[in-house]
Amino acid sequence: MDKKRVPHIDYKDFPLNYDRYNHLMDELRAAARGFARLDDKGWPGARDLDKRLMAIWSDLHGVWETIQETERQILYVAPSESDG
């Protein structure tokens, strides 16, 4: 069976690199905290928006974990027996 070749992708060109991931996570958390503070001031529906933003934050973390696992599989997969 042929080994699948993985194309080289520059860090800056990768759709969700570490810097972009951290920026998005920080922005989502800051927005959620902002709505939590608005809830304390009586803004209608603010607590719901806080929870929904944190659900997106959690989903994004899951996406990041999948990306990392895929990278590990690509980079550290043991060579097959036919590779010698």
C-alpha atoms as a PDB file:
ATOM      1  CA  MET A   1       0.000   0.000   0.000  1.00  0.00           C
ATOM      2  CA  ASP A   2       1.375   3.415  -0.928  1.00  0.00           C
ATOM      3  CA  LYS A   3       2.125   5.884   1.810  1.00  0.00           C
ATOM      4  CA  LYS A   4      -0.009   9.007   1.502  1.00  0.00           C
ATOM      5  CA  ARG A   5       2.049  12.151   1.064  1.00  0.00           C
ATOM      6  CA  VAL A   6       1.013  15.131   3.118  1.00  0.00           C
ATOM      7  CA  PRO A   7       1.553  18.493   1.440  1.00  0.00           C
ATOM      8  CA  HIS A   8       3.695  21.066   3.179  1.00  0.00           C
ATOM      9  CA  ILE A   9       1.601  24.009   4.384  1.00  0.00           C
ATOM     10  CA  ASP A  10       3.302  27.144   5.674  1.00  0.00           C
ATOM     11  CA  TYR A  11       2.347  28.019   9.244  1.00  0.00           C
ATOM     12  CA  LYS A  12       0.846  31.365   8.228  1.00  0.00           C
ATOM     13  CA  ASP A  13      -1.270  29.667   5.543  1.00  0.00           C
ATOM     14  CA  PHE A  14      -2.705  26.932   7.773  1.00  0.00           C
ATOM     15  CA  PRO A  15      -6.436  27.642   8.276  1.00  0.00           C
ATOM     16  CA  LEU A  16      -6.262  27.449  12.072  1.00  0.00           C
ATOM     17  CA  ASN A  17      -2.730  27.796  13.400  1.00  0.00           C
ATOM     18  CA  TYR A  18      -1.770  28.174  17.068  1.00  0.00           C
ATOM     19  CA  ASP A  19      -1.752  31.988  16.978  1.00  0.00           C
ATOM     20  CA  ARG A  20      -5.163  32.227  15.305  1.00  0.00           C
ATOM     21  CA  TYR A  21      -6.601  29.594  17.656  1.00  0.00           C
ATOM     22  CA  ASN A  22      -5.402  31.459  20.751  1.00  0.00           C
ATOM     23  CA  HIS A  23      -6.691  34.772  19.414  1.00  0.00           C
ATOM     24  CA  LEU A  24     -10.145  33.329  18.728  1.00  0.00           C
ATOM     25  CA  MET A  25     -10.280  31.613  22.110  1.00  0.00           C
ATOM     26  CA  ASP A  26      -9.329  34.844  23.889  1.00  0.00           C
ATOM     27  CA  GLU A  27     -11.903  36.868  21.946  1.00  0.00           C
ATOM     28  CA  LEU A  28     -14.700  34.387  22.625  1.00  0.00           C
ATOM     29  CA  ARG A  29     -13.872  34.234  26.339  1.00  0.00           C
ATOM     30  CA  ALA A  30     -13.700  38.038  26.588  1.00  0.00           C
ATOM     31  CA  ALA A  31     -17.071  38.406  24.848  1.00  0.00           C
ATOM     32  CA  ALA A  32     -18.634  35.780  27.129  1.00  0.00           C
ATOM     33  CA  ARG A  33     -17.286  37.541  30.221  1.00  0.00           C
ATOM     34  CA  GLY A  34     -18.629  40.808  28.899  1.00  0.00           C
ATOM     35  CA  PHE A  35     -22.121  39.348  28.632  1.00  0.00           C
ATOM     36  CA  ALA A  36     -21.765  37.836  32.113  1.00  0.00           C
ATOM     37  CA  ARG A  37     -21.047  41.355  33.406  1.00  0.00           C
ATOM     38  CA  LEU A  38     -24.063  42.700  31.478  1.00  0.00           C
ATOM     39  CA  ASP A  39     -26.181  40.017  33.139  1.00  0.00           C
ATOM     40  CA  ASP A  40     -25.158  41.470  36.506  1.00  0.00           C
ATOM     41  CA  LYS A  41     -26.487  44.825  35.264  1.00  0.00           C
ATOM     42  CA  GLY A  42     -29.803  43.340  34.186  1.00  0.00           C
ATOM     43  CA  TRP A  43     -29.284  43.050  30.393  1.00  0.00           C
ATOM     44  CA  PRO A  44     -32.013  40.683  29.138  1.00  0.00           C
ATOM     45  CA  GLY A  45     -30.657  37.400  27.769  1.00  0.00           C
ATOM     46  CA  ALA A  46     -27.040  38.183  28.625  1.00  0.00           C
ATOM     47  CA  ARG A  47     -26.494  34.988  30.631  1.00  0.00           C
ATOM     48  CA  ASP A  48     -27.746  32.945  27.686  1.00  0.00           C
ATOM     49  CA  LEU A  49     -25.319  34.726  25.351  1.00  0.00           C
ATOM     50  CA  ASP A  50     -22.482  34.055  27.817  1.00  0.00           C
ATOM     51  CA  LYS A  51     -23.344  30.331  27.843  1.00  0.00           C
ATOM     52  CA  ARG A  52     -23.680  30.163  24.057  1.00  0.00           C
ATOM     53  CA  LEU A  53     -20.331  31.859  23.505  1.00  0.00           C
ATOM     54  CA  MET A  54     -18.682  29.467  25.951  1.00  0.00           C
ATOM     55  CA  ALA A  55     -20.252  26.537  24.072  1.00  0.00           C
ATOM     56  CA  ILE A  56     -18.595  27.867  20.897  1.00  0.00           C
ATOM     57  CA  TRP A  57     -15.349  28.230  22.875  1.00  0.00           C
ATOM     58  CA  SER A  58     -15.655  24.579  23.918  1.00  0.00           C
ATOM     59  CA  ASP A  59     -16.410  23.451  20.355  1.00  0.00           C
ATOM     60  CA  LEU A  60     -13.398  25.371  19.060  1.00  0.00           C
ATOM     61  CA  HIS A  61     -11.238  23.642  21.661  1.00  0.00           C
ATOM     62  CA  GLY A  62     -12.506  20.306  20.358  1.00  0.00           C
ATOM     63  CA  VAL A  63     -11.627  21.327  16.803  1.00  0.00           C
ATOM     64  CA  TRP A  64      -8.127  22.260  17.985  1.00  0.00           C
ATOM     65  CA  GLU A  65      -7.708  18.887  19.693  1.00  0.00           C
ATOM     66  CA  THR A  66      -8.678  17.161  16.429  1.00  0.00           C
ATOM     67  CA  ILE A  67      -6.127  19.238  14.507  1.00  0.00           C
ATOM     68  CA  GLN A  68      -3.409  18.338  17.025  1.00  0.00           C
ATOM     69  CA  GLU A  69      -4.271  14.643  16.917  1.00  0.00           C
ATOM     70  CA  THR A  70      -4.192  14.698  13.116  1.00  0.00           C
ATOM     71  CA  GLU A  71      -0.776  16.372  13.199  1.00  0.00           C
ATOM     72  CA  ARG A  72       0.493  13.713  15.606  1.00  0.00           C
ATOM     73  CA  GLN A  73      -0.764  10.949  13.338  1.00  0.00           C
ATOM     74  CA  ILE A  74       0.868  12.542  10.303  1.00  0.00           C
ATOM     75  CA  LEU A  75       4.180  13.332  11.971  1.00  0.00           C
ATOM     76  CA  TYR A  76       4.685  10.383  14.298  1.00  0.00           C
ATOM     77  CA  VAL A  77       3.009   7.447  12.606  1.00  0.00           C
ATOM     78  CA  ALA A  78       5.198   4.363  12.715  1.00  0.00           C
ATOM     79  CA  PRO A  79       6.447   3.251   9.299  1.00  0.00           C
ATOM     80  CA  SER A  80       4.672   0.225   7.874  1.00  0.00           C
ATOM     81  CA  GLU A  81       6.475  -3.115   7.590  1.00  0.00           C
ATOM     82  CA  SER A  82       6.898  -2.624   3.832  1.00  0.00           C
ATOM     83  CA  ASP A  83       8.860   0.596   4.502  1.00  0.00           C
ATOM     84  CA  GLY A  84      11.674  -1.434   5.973  1.00  0.00           C
END
